[in-house]
Amino acid sequence: MSPATILVLALSMSVDAFAVSVGRGAAMGRPRFAEALRTGMVFGLVEAATPVIGWAAGLAASSYVEAVDHWIAFALLGGVGLHMLASAFSTRDEAAPRGRSLPVLLATAFGTSIDAMAVGVSLAFLDVNIWITAAAIGLTTFIMSSGGMLIGRLVGERLGRVAEVVAGLALVALGATILVEHLSA
């Protein structure tokens, strides 16, 4: 796999994490730079790990992973998206931090990286260095997610709930799209 192909793959695997990070940054109001780096680190590590997991699963038993990956993606993305929507419409103490818990961040990161796991399955059948590819995906996701949080920060607190709704709807739509594509294929 050429360096250009790896870069295109890394960018495409990072787009959904970027979009969610923009929404998180706006929903949090004014997240600190350290929070942007934390989000980027979690998204990047998870996004780097999932193609390796998919690659290993592809080597072991690709038909089993391919049979359920769309359901897993749909459940995780839909669940996290619905949680974001419920959070956006609920009344809450505005002084309380929103969406900053590590379990929510990990669930969101895993939900947006299911596609990377599916890509990892397909990489098991190609002549690629999975470690270089996974590192490129993780680094790209780290940069895009951290940047997304900072862009979201510029959007400001006033648009926080709107961004949370948009990000929640985007996650539900992404999960539904993955499910529909796999069921109609």
N, C-alpha and C. Protein backbone atom coordinates (compact mmCIF):
# COMPACT_ATOMS: atom_id res chain seq x y z
N MET A 1 0.86 -1.17 0.00
CA MET A 1 0.00 0.00 0.00
C MET A 1 0.91 1.23 0.00
N SER A 2 0.65 2.14 -0.92
CA SER A 2 1.49 3.33 -1.06
C SER A 2 1.23 4.32 0.08
N PRO A 3 2.19 5.21 0.34
CA PRO A 3 1.98 6.24 1.37
C PRO A 3 0.75 7.11 1.08
N ALA A 4 0.52 7.42 -0.19
CA ALA A 4 -0.65 8.23 -0.55
C ALA A 4 -1.95 7.48 -0.23
N THR A 5 -1.98 6.20 -0.50
CA THR A 5 -3.17 5.39 -0.19
C THR A 5 -3.39 5.32 1.31
N ILE A 6 -2.32 5.17 2.06
CA ILE A 6 -2.43 5.13 3.52
C ILE A 6 -2.96 6.46 4.05
N LEU A 7 -2.49 7.57 3.47
CA LEU A 7 -2.97 8.90 3.89
C LEU A 7 -4.45 9.07 3.59
N VAL A 8 -4.88 8.68 2.41
CA VAL A 8 -6.30 8.79 2.06
C VAL A 8 -7.14 7.92 3.00
N LEU A 9 -6.68 6.71 3.28
CA LEU A 9 -7.38 5.83 4.20
C LEU A 9 -7.46 6.45 5.59
N ALA A 10 -6.34 7.00 6.06
CA ALA A 10 -6.30 7.62 7.39
C ALA A 10 -7.26 8.80 7.48
N LEU A 11 -7.28 9.63 6.46
CA LEU A 11 -8.19 10.78 6.45
C LEU A 11 -9.65 10.33 6.43
N SER A 12 -9.94 9.35 5.61
CA SER A 12 -11.34 8.90 5.53
C SER A 12 -11.79 8.23 6.82
N MET A 13 -10.89 7.56 7.52
CA MET A 13 -11.25 6.93 8.78
C MET A 13 -11.41 7.96 9.90
N SER A 14 -10.88 9.16 9.71
CA SER A 14 -10.89 10.19 10.75
C SER A 14 -12.02 11.20 10.64
N VAL A 15 -12.72 11.22 9.53
CA VAL A 15 -13.73 12.25 9.29
C VAL A 15 -14.85 12.21 10.31
N ASP A 16 -15.37 11.03 10.64
CA ASP A 16 -16.48 10.97 11.59
C ASP A 16 -16.02 11.38 12.98
N ALA A 17 -14.80 11.03 13.38
CA ALA A 17 -14.28 11.47 14.67
C ALA A 17 -14.12 12.99 14.70
N PHE A 18 -13.71 13.57 13.59
CA PHE A 18 -13.59 15.02 13.48
C PHE A 18 -14.95 15.69 13.68
N ALA A 19 -15.97 15.18 12.98
CA ALA A 19 -17.31 15.77 13.08
C ALA A 19 -17.85 15.69 14.50
N VAL A 20 -17.67 14.56 15.14
CA VAL A 20 -18.14 14.40 16.52
C VAL A 20 -17.36 15.33 17.44
N SER A 21 -16.07 15.50 17.21
CA SER A 21 -15.25 16.37 18.05
C SER A 21 -15.66 17.83 17.93
N VAL A 22 -16.03 18.27 16.73
CA VAL A 22 -16.52 19.63 16.57
C VAL A 22 -17.78 19.82 17.42
N GLY A 23 -18.69 18.85 17.35
CA GLY A 23 -19.90 18.92 18.16
C GLY A 23 -19.62 18.90 19.65
N ARG A 24 -18.68 18.05 20.06
CA ARG A 24 -18.30 17.99 21.49
C ARG A 24 -17.71 19.32 21.95
N GLY A 25 -16.83 19.88 21.12
CA GLY A 25 -16.20 21.15 21.50
C GLY A 25 -17.22 22.26 21.67
N ALA A 26 -18.19 22.33 20.77
CA ALA A 26 -19.23 23.36 20.89
C ALA A 26 -20.16 23.06 22.06
N ALA A 27 -20.51 21.79 22.27
CA ALA A 27 -21.42 21.43 23.35
C ALA A 27 -20.79 21.67 24.72
N MET A 28 -19.48 21.58 24.82
CA MET A 28 -18.81 21.80 26.11
C MET A 28 -18.64 23.27 26.42
N GLY A 29 -18.96 24.11 25.48
CA GLY A 29 -18.82 25.54 25.73
C GLY A 29 -17.44 26.01 25.33
N ARG A 30 -16.54 26.03 26.24
CA ARG A 30 -15.17 26.48 25.97
C ARG A 30 -14.21 25.43 26.54
N PRO A 31 -14.09 24.29 25.90
CA PRO A 31 -13.18 23.28 26.43
C PRO A 31 -11.73 23.77 26.41
N ARG A 32 -10.99 23.33 27.40
CA ARG A 32 -9.58 23.71 27.46
C ARG A 32 -8.79 22.96 26.40
N PHE A 33 -7.60 23.48 26.13
CA PHE A 33 -6.70 22.84 25.17
C PHE A 33 -6.38 21.41 25.61
N ALA A 34 -6.21 21.22 26.92
CA ALA A 34 -5.92 19.88 27.46
C ALA A 34 -7.08 18.92 27.17
N GLU A 35 -8.32 19.42 27.23
CA GLU A 35 -9.49 18.59 26.91
C GLU A 35 -9.49 18.22 25.44
N ALA A 36 -9.08 19.14 24.58
CA ALA A 36 -8.99 18.84 23.14
C ALA A 36 -7.94 17.76 22.90
N LEU A 37 -6.80 17.87 23.58
CA LEU A 37 -5.76 16.85 23.44
C LEU A 37 -6.21 15.50 24.00
N ARG A 38 -6.93 15.53 25.12
CA ARG A 38 -7.45 14.29 25.71
C ARG A 38 -8.42 13.60 24.74
N THR A 39 -9.31 14.38 24.17
CA THR A 39 -10.27 13.84 23.19
C THR A 39 -9.53 13.28 21.99
N GLY A 40 -8.57 14.03 21.47
CA GLY A 40 -7.77 13.56 20.34
C GLY A 40 -7.02 12.29 20.66
N MET A 41 -6.48 12.21 21.87
CA MET A 41 -5.73 11.03 22.28
C MET A 41 -6.63 9.79 22.35
N VAL A 42 -7.80 9.95 22.97
CA VAL A 42 -8.72 8.81 23.09
C VAL A 42 -9.21 8.38 21.72
N PHE A 43 -9.66 9.32 20.91
CA PHE A 43 -10.13 8.98 19.56
C PHE A 43 -8.99 8.37 18.74
N GLY A 44 -7.80 8.94 18.81
CA GLY A 44 -6.67 8.43 18.04
C GLY A 44 -6.25 7.03 18.45
N LEU A 45 -6.18 6.77 19.76
CA LEU A 45 -5.80 5.44 20.22
C LEU A 45 -6.84 4.39 19.84
N VAL A 46 -8.10 4.72 20.02
CA VAL A 46 -9.15 3.76 19.66
C VAL A 46 -9.17 3.54 18.15
N GLU A 47 -9.04 4.63 17.39
CA GLU A 47 -9.07 4.52 15.93
C GLU A 47 -7.85 3.76 15.41
N ALA A 48 -6.73 3.81 16.11
CA ALA A 48 -5.55 3.03 15.73
C ALA A 48 -5.70 1.56 16.10
N ALA A 49 -6.36 1.30 17.22
CA ALA A 49 -6.50 -0.09 17.69
C ALA A 49 -7.52 -0.89 16.89
N THR A 50 -8.60 -0.26 16.47
CA THR A 50 -9.68 -1.02 15.82
C THR A 50 -9.29 -1.65 14.48
N PRO A 51 -8.48 -1.01 13.62
CA PRO A 51 -8.11 -1.75 12.41
C PRO A 51 -7.22 -2.96 12.72
N VAL A 52 -6.41 -2.85 13.77
CA VAL A 52 -5.58 -3.99 14.17
C VAL A 52 -6.47 -5.12 14.67
N ILE A 53 -7.49 -4.77 15.44
CA ILE A 53 -8.44 -5.79 15.91
C ILE A 53 -9.16 -6.42 14.72
N GLY A 54 -9.61 -5.59 13.80
CA GLY A 54 -10.27 -6.10 12.60
C GLY A 54 -9.34 -6.95 11.76
N TRP A 55 -8.09 -6.53 11.62
CA TRP A 55 -7.09 -7.28 10.87
C TRP A 55 -6.89 -8.66 11.50
N ALA A 56 -6.74 -8.69 12.83
CA ALA A 56 -6.57 -9.98 13.53
C ALA A 56 -7.81 -10.85 13.36
N ALA A 57 -8.97 -10.23 13.49
CA ALA A 57 -10.22 -10.99 13.30
C ALA A 57 -10.34 -11.48 11.86
N GLY A 58 -9.90 -10.65 10.91
CA GLY A 58 -9.94 -11.04 9.51
C GLY A 58 -9.05 -12.23 9.24
N LEU A 59 -7.90 -12.24 9.89
CA LEU A 59 -7.01 -13.39 9.74
C LEU A 59 -7.63 -14.65 10.35
N ALA A 60 -8.33 -14.48 11.45
CA ALA A 60 -8.90 -15.63 12.17
C ALA A 60 -10.22 -16.11 11.56
N ALA A 61 -11.14 -15.18 11.36
CA ALA A 61 -12.48 -15.60 10.90
C ALA A 61 -13.26 -14.41 10.37
N SER A 62 -12.95 -13.97 9.17
CA SER A 62 -13.57 -12.76 8.64
C SER A 62 -15.08 -12.88 8.45
N SER A 63 -15.56 -14.04 8.15
CA SER A 63 -17.00 -14.16 7.91
C SER A 63 -17.82 -13.87 9.17
N TYR A 64 -17.28 -14.18 10.34
CA TYR A 64 -18.02 -13.91 11.58
C TYR A 64 -18.05 -12.41 11.88
N VAL A 65 -16.96 -11.73 11.67
CA VAL A 65 -16.91 -10.28 11.94
C VAL A 65 -17.77 -9.54 10.93
N GLU A 66 -17.66 -9.90 9.67
CA GLU A 66 -18.44 -9.22 8.64
C GLU A 66 -19.93 -9.42 8.86
N ALA A 67 -20.31 -10.53 9.47
CA ALA A 67 -21.72 -10.83 9.67
C ALA A 67 -22.36 -9.92 10.72
N VAL A 68 -21.59 -9.38 11.63
CA VAL A 68 -22.19 -8.60 12.72
C VAL A 68 -21.65 -7.18 12.87
N ASP A 69 -20.64 -6.79 12.10
CA ASP A 69 -20.05 -5.47 12.32
C ASP A 69 -21.04 -4.35 12.12
N HIS A 70 -21.95 -4.48 11.18
CA HIS A 70 -22.94 -3.43 10.93
C HIS A 70 -23.93 -3.30 12.08
N TRP A 71 -24.27 -4.40 12.72
CA TRP A 71 -25.17 -4.34 13.89
C TRP A 71 -24.48 -3.69 15.08
N ILE A 72 -23.21 -4.01 15.27
CA ILE A 72 -22.45 -3.40 16.35
C ILE A 72 -22.34 -1.90 16.13
N ALA A 73 -21.98 -1.51 14.90
CA ALA A 73 -21.86 -0.08 14.58
C ALA A 73 -23.19 0.63 14.78
N PHE A 74 -24.28 0.02 14.31
CA PHE A 74 -25.60 0.63 14.45
C PHE A 74 -25.97 0.81 15.92
N ALA A 75 -25.76 -0.22 16.73
CA ALA A 75 -26.11 -0.15 18.15
C ALA A 75 -25.28 0.90 18.89
N LEU A 76 -23.97 0.90 18.66
CA LEU A 76 -23.10 1.85 19.36
C LEU A 76 -23.35 3.29 18.91
N LEU A 77 -23.33 3.50 17.60
CA LEU A 77 -23.52 4.87 17.10
C LEU A 77 -24.93 5.38 17.40
N GLY A 78 -25.92 4.52 17.21
CA GLY A 78 -27.30 4.92 17.52
C GLY A 78 -27.48 5.22 18.99
N GLY A 79 -26.93 4.37 19.85
CA GLY A 79 -27.05 4.58 21.30
C GLY A 79 -26.38 5.86 21.76
N VAL A 80 -25.16 6.08 21.31
CA VAL A 80 -24.44 7.31 21.69
C VAL A 80 -25.16 8.53 21.10
N GLY A 81 -25.62 8.42 19.86
CA GLY A 81 -26.34 9.54 19.23
C GLY A 81 -27.62 9.89 19.97
N LEU A 82 -28.39 8.85 20.33
CA LEU A 82 -29.63 9.09 21.09
C LEU A 82 -29.33 9.68 22.46
N HIS A 83 -28.24 9.24 23.08
CA HIS A 83 -27.84 9.81 24.36
C HIS A 83 -27.51 11.30 24.21
N MET A 84 -26.81 11.65 23.12
CA MET A 84 -26.49 13.06 22.87
C MET A 84 -27.75 13.87 22.63
N LEU A 85 -28.71 13.31 21.89
CA LEU A 85 -29.98 14.01 21.66
C LEU A 85 -30.74 14.22 22.96
N ALA A 86 -30.82 13.18 23.78
CA ALA A 86 -31.51 13.30 25.06
C ALA A 86 -30.83 14.34 25.94
N SER A 87 -29.51 14.35 25.92
CA SER A 87 -28.76 15.33 26.70
C SER A 87 -29.01 16.75 26.21
N ALA A 88 -29.12 16.93 24.90
CA ALA A 88 -29.34 18.26 24.33
C ALA A 88 -30.71 18.82 24.72
N PHE A 89 -31.70 17.94 24.84
CA PHE A 89 -33.06 18.39 25.13
C PHE A 89 -33.42 18.35 26.61
N SER A 90 -32.53 17.82 27.44
CA SER A 90 -32.83 17.73 28.87
C SER A 90 -32.50 19.06 29.56
N THR A 91 -33.17 19.29 30.67
CA THR A 91 -32.81 20.44 31.48
C THR A 91 -31.73 19.98 32.43
N ARG A 92 -30.70 20.79 32.54
CA ARG A 92 -29.57 20.40 33.37
C ARG A 92 -28.90 21.64 33.90
N ASP A 93 -28.10 21.41 34.90
CA ASP A 93 -27.31 22.49 35.48
C ASP A 93 -26.23 22.88 34.47
N GLU A 94 -26.28 24.09 33.97
CA GLU A 94 -25.33 24.52 32.95
C GLU A 94 -23.91 24.59 33.47
N ALA A 95 -23.73 24.60 34.79
CA ALA A 95 -22.38 24.63 35.33
C ALA A 95 -21.74 23.24 35.31
N ALA A 96 -22.56 22.21 35.15
CA ALA A 96 -22.03 20.85 35.15
C ALA A 96 -21.33 20.56 33.83
N PRO A 97 -20.21 19.86 33.89
CA PRO A 97 -19.55 19.51 32.64
C PRO A 97 -20.40 18.54 31.83
N ARG A 98 -20.48 18.76 30.52
CA ARG A 98 -21.34 17.94 29.67
C ARG A 98 -20.49 17.04 28.79
N GLY A 99 -20.76 15.75 28.84
CA GLY A 99 -20.12 14.82 27.94
C GLY A 99 -18.62 14.64 28.15
N ARG A 100 -18.13 14.96 29.33
CA ARG A 100 -16.70 14.90 29.56
C ARG A 100 -16.27 13.59 30.22
N SER A 101 -17.20 12.73 30.54
CA SER A 101 -16.82 11.50 31.23
C SER A 101 -16.06 10.59 30.28
N LEU A 102 -15.08 9.88 30.84
CA LEU A 102 -14.27 8.98 30.03
C LEU A 102 -15.10 7.86 29.41
N PRO A 103 -16.06 7.25 30.14
CA PRO A 103 -16.86 6.19 29.48
C PRO A 103 -17.64 6.70 28.27
N VAL A 104 -18.21 7.90 28.33
CA VAL A 104 -18.94 8.45 27.18
C VAL A 104 -17.96 8.72 26.04
N LEU A 105 -16.81 9.26 26.36
CA LEU A 105 -15.79 9.53 25.35
C LEU A 105 -15.33 8.23 24.69
N LEU A 106 -15.08 7.20 25.48
CA LEU A 106 -14.64 5.91 24.93
C LEU A 106 -15.73 5.28 24.07
N ALA A 107 -16.97 5.33 24.53
CA ALA A 107 -18.07 4.76 23.74
C ALA A 107 -18.22 5.49 22.42
N THR A 108 -18.10 6.80 22.45
CA THR A 108 -18.19 7.58 21.21
C THR A 108 -17.03 7.25 20.28
N ALA A 109 -15.83 7.18 20.86
CA ALA A 109 -14.65 6.84 20.04
C ALA A 109 -14.80 5.46 19.43
N PHE A 110 -15.25 4.51 20.19
CA PHE A 110 -15.41 3.15 19.66
C PHE A 110 -16.51 3.12 18.60
N GLY A 111 -17.60 3.83 18.87
CA GLY A 111 -18.70 3.87 17.91
C GLY A 111 -18.30 4.47 16.57
N THR A 112 -17.45 5.49 16.61
CA THR A 112 -17.02 6.10 15.35
C THR A 112 -15.90 5.33 14.67
N SER A 113 -15.34 4.32 15.35
CA SER A 113 -14.22 3.59 14.76
C SER A 113 -14.58 2.18 14.31
N ILE A 114 -15.85 1.82 14.38
CA ILE A 114 -16.26 0.50 13.91
C ILE A 114 -15.92 0.32 12.44
N ASP A 115 -16.05 1.39 11.65
CA ASP A 115 -15.71 1.28 10.24
C ASP A 115 -14.23 0.96 10.05
N ALA A 116 -13.37 1.46 10.95
CA ALA A 116 -11.95 1.14 10.87
C ALA A 116 -11.70 -0.34 11.16
N MET A 117 -12.54 -0.92 12.02
CA MET A 117 -12.42 -2.35 12.29
C MET A 117 -12.77 -3.15 11.03
N ALA A 118 -13.82 -2.73 10.35
CA ALA A 118 -14.21 -3.40 9.12
C ALA A 118 -13.12 -3.25 8.06
N VAL A 119 -12.50 -2.07 7.99
CA VAL A 119 -11.39 -1.86 7.07
C VAL A 119 -10.23 -2.79 7.44
N GLY A 120 -9.99 -2.93 8.73
CA GLY A 120 -8.94 -3.84 9.20
C GLY A 120 -9.16 -5.27 8.74
N VAL A 121 -10.42 -5.70 8.71
CA VAL A 121 -10.73 -7.04 8.22
C VAL A 121 -10.30 -7.17 6.76
N SER A 122 -10.62 -6.16 5.97
CA SER A 122 -10.24 -6.24 4.55
C SER A 122 -8.73 -6.14 4.37
N LEU A 123 -8.04 -5.40 5.26
CA LEU A 123 -6.59 -5.29 5.16
C LEU A 123 -5.89 -6.62 5.42
N ALA A 124 -6.57 -7.52 6.12
CA ALA A 124 -5.99 -8.84 6.39
C ALA A 124 -5.75 -9.61 5.10
N PHE A 125 -6.45 -9.26 4.04
CA PHE A 125 -6.32 -9.98 2.77
C PHE A 125 -5.44 -9.25 1.77
N LEU A 126 -4.84 -8.14 2.20
CA LEU A 126 -3.96 -7.36 1.33
C LEU A 126 -2.54 -7.41 1.87
N ASP A 127 -1.61 -7.04 1.05
CA ASP A 127 -0.20 -7.00 1.45
C ASP A 127 0.09 -5.63 2.06
N VAL A 128 -0.24 -5.46 3.34
CA VAL A 128 -0.03 -4.18 4.02
C VAL A 128 0.70 -4.40 5.33
N ASN A 129 1.38 -3.37 5.76
CA ASN A 129 1.96 -3.37 7.10
C ASN A 129 0.89 -2.75 8.01
N ILE A 130 0.19 -3.58 8.75
CA ILE A 130 -0.93 -3.12 9.58
C ILE A 130 -0.48 -2.10 10.62
N TRP A 131 0.74 -2.23 11.11
CA TRP A 131 1.23 -1.34 12.18
C TRP A 131 1.43 0.08 11.65
N ILE A 132 1.99 0.22 10.46
CA ILE A 132 2.17 1.55 9.87
C ILE A 132 0.81 2.15 9.52
N THR A 133 -0.06 1.33 8.95
CA THR A 133 -1.39 1.81 8.58
C THR A 133 -2.17 2.25 9.82
N ALA A 134 -2.16 1.43 10.88
CA ALA A 134 -2.88 1.77 12.11
C ALA A 134 -2.30 3.03 12.76
N ALA A 135 -0.97 3.15 12.75
CA ALA A 135 -0.35 4.35 13.32
C ALA A 135 -0.75 5.60 12.55
N ALA A 136 -0.80 5.50 11.23
CA ALA A 136 -1.21 6.64 10.40
C ALA A 136 -2.66 7.02 10.69
N ILE A 137 -3.53 6.03 10.81
CA ILE A 137 -4.94 6.29 11.12
C ILE A 137 -5.06 6.94 12.49
N GLY A 138 -4.34 6.41 13.49
CA GLY A 138 -4.40 6.96 14.84
C GLY A 138 -3.88 8.38 14.93
N LEU A 139 -2.74 8.64 14.29
CA LEU A 139 -2.17 10.00 14.32
C LEU A 139 -3.07 11.00 13.62
N THR A 140 -3.59 10.61 12.47
CA THR A 140 -4.49 11.50 11.73
C THR A 140 -5.75 11.79 12.55
N THR A 141 -6.29 10.76 13.18
CA THR A 141 -7.49 10.95 14.00
C THR A 141 -7.19 11.84 15.20
N PHE A 142 -6.03 11.66 15.83
CA PHE A 142 -5.63 12.51 16.95
C PHE A 142 -5.62 13.98 16.51
N ILE A 143 -4.99 14.25 15.39
CA ILE A 143 -4.88 15.64 14.90
C ILE A 143 -6.26 16.19 14.56
N MET A 144 -7.05 15.42 13.83
CA MET A 144 -8.36 15.91 13.40
C MET A 144 -9.33 16.06 14.57
N SER A 145 -9.27 15.16 15.54
CA SER A 145 -10.18 15.25 16.69
C SER A 145 -9.80 16.41 17.60
N SER A 146 -8.52 16.57 17.85
CA SER A 146 -8.08 17.70 18.68
C SER A 146 -8.45 19.02 17.99
N GLY A 147 -8.18 19.09 16.70
CA GLY A 147 -8.56 20.29 15.94
C GLY A 147 -10.05 20.51 15.91
N GLY A 148 -10.81 19.43 15.80
CA GLY A 148 -12.27 19.53 15.82
C GLY A 148 -12.80 20.11 17.12
N MET A 149 -12.20 19.68 18.23
CA MET A 149 -12.61 20.24 19.53
C MET A 149 -12.35 21.75 19.56
N LEU A 150 -11.20 22.16 19.06
CA LEU A 150 -10.86 23.58 19.08
C LEU A 150 -11.74 24.39 18.13
N ILE A 151 -12.09 23.82 17.00
CA ILE A 151 -13.03 24.49 16.09
C ILE A 151 -14.40 24.61 16.76
N GLY A 152 -14.82 23.54 17.41
CA GLY A 152 -16.09 23.57 18.14
C GLY A 152 -16.07 24.61 19.24
N ARG A 153 -14.91 24.77 19.85
CA ARG A 153 -14.75 25.78 20.90
C ARG A 153 -15.00 27.18 20.35
N LEU A 154 -14.57 27.42 19.13
CA LEU A 154 -14.76 28.73 18.51
C LEU A 154 -16.23 28.99 18.20
N VAL A 155 -16.98 27.92 17.96
CA VAL A 155 -18.40 28.06 17.67
C VAL A 155 -19.11 28.68 18.87
N GLY A 156 -18.69 28.29 20.07
CA GLY A 156 -19.20 28.93 21.27
C GLY A 156 -20.32 28.20 21.95
N GLU A 157 -20.60 28.64 23.16
CA GLU A 157 -21.60 28.02 24.02
C GLU A 157 -23.02 28.15 23.48
N ARG A 158 -23.32 29.26 22.82
CA ARG A 158 -24.69 29.50 22.34
C ARG A 158 -25.15 28.43 21.36
N LEU A 159 -24.23 27.91 20.59
CA LEU A 159 -24.59 26.90 19.62
C LEU A 159 -24.35 25.48 20.15
N GLY A 160 -24.04 25.38 21.43
CA GLY A 160 -23.72 24.08 22.02
C GLY A 160 -24.81 23.05 21.89
N ARG A 161 -26.03 23.41 22.24
CA ARG A 161 -27.14 22.45 22.13
C ARG A 161 -27.43 22.09 20.69
N VAL A 162 -27.37 23.07 19.80
CA VAL A 162 -27.60 22.80 18.39
C VAL A 162 -26.53 21.84 17.87
N ALA A 163 -25.27 22.10 18.23
CA ALA A 163 -24.18 21.22 17.80
C ALA A 163 -24.36 19.82 18.38
N GLU A 164 -24.83 19.74 19.61
CA GLU A 164 -25.07 18.45 20.24
C GLU A 164 -26.16 17.68 19.50
N VAL A 165 -27.22 18.39 19.10
CA VAL A 165 -28.29 17.76 18.33
C VAL A 165 -27.76 17.29 16.98
N VAL A 166 -27.01 18.16 16.30
CA VAL A 166 -26.46 17.81 14.99
C VAL A 166 -25.52 16.60 15.11
N ALA A 167 -24.64 16.62 16.10
CA ALA A 167 -23.71 15.50 16.29
C ALA A 167 -24.48 14.22 16.64
N GLY A 168 -25.50 14.32 17.48
CA GLY A 168 -26.31 13.15 17.82
C GLY A 168 -27.03 12.59 16.61
N LEU A 169 -27.63 13.47 15.82
CA LEU A 169 -28.30 13.03 14.59
C LEU A 169 -27.30 12.43 13.60
N ALA A 170 -26.11 13.02 13.53
CA ALA A 170 -25.09 12.50 12.62
C ALA A 170 -24.67 11.09 13.03
N LEU A 171 -24.53 10.86 14.32
CA LEU A 171 -24.15 9.52 14.77
C LEU A 171 -25.26 8.51 14.49
N VAL A 172 -26.50 8.88 14.77
CA VAL A 172 -27.63 7.97 14.48
C VAL A 172 -27.69 7.70 12.97
N ALA A 173 -27.53 8.74 12.17
CA ALA A 173 -27.56 8.57 10.71
C ALA A 173 -26.41 7.71 10.22
N LEU A 174 -25.23 7.91 10.78
CA LEU A 174 -24.08 7.11 10.40
C LEU A 174 -24.32 5.64 10.72
N GLY A 175 -24.83 5.36 11.93
CA GLY A 175 -25.14 3.98 12.30
C GLY A 175 -26.20 3.37 11.40
N ALA A 176 -27.25 4.14 11.09
CA ALA A 176 -28.32 3.65 10.21
C ALA A 176 -27.80 3.42 8.80
N THR A 177 -26.93 4.30 8.31
CA THR A 177 -26.37 4.15 6.98
C THR A 177 -25.53 2.88 6.88
N ILE A 178 -24.71 2.65 7.87
CA ILE A 178 -23.90 1.43 7.89
C ILE A 178 -24.80 0.20 7.88
N LEU A 179 -25.84 0.22 8.69
CA LEU A 179 -26.77 -0.91 8.75
C LEU A 179 -27.47 -1.13 7.42
N VAL A 180 -28.01 -0.06 6.84
CA VAL A 180 -28.73 -0.17 5.57
C VAL A 180 -27.81 -0.66 4.45
N GLU A 181 -26.60 -0.10 4.38
CA GLU A 181 -25.66 -0.51 3.34
C GLU A 181 -25.35 -2.01 3.44
N HIS A 182 -25.16 -2.50 4.65
CA HIS A 182 -24.81 -3.91 4.82
C HIS A 182 -26.02 -4.83 4.58
N LEU A 183 -27.20 -4.37 4.98
CA LEU A 183 -28.38 -5.22 4.79
C LEU A 183 -28.83 -5.25 3.34
N SER A 184 -28.57 -4.16 2.59
CA SER A 184 -29.00 -4.13 1.20
C SER A 184 -27.97 -4.71 0.24
N ALA A 185 -26.80 -5.01 0.74
CA ALA A 185 -25.74 -5.56 -0.14
C ALA A 185 -25.93 -7.02 -0.41
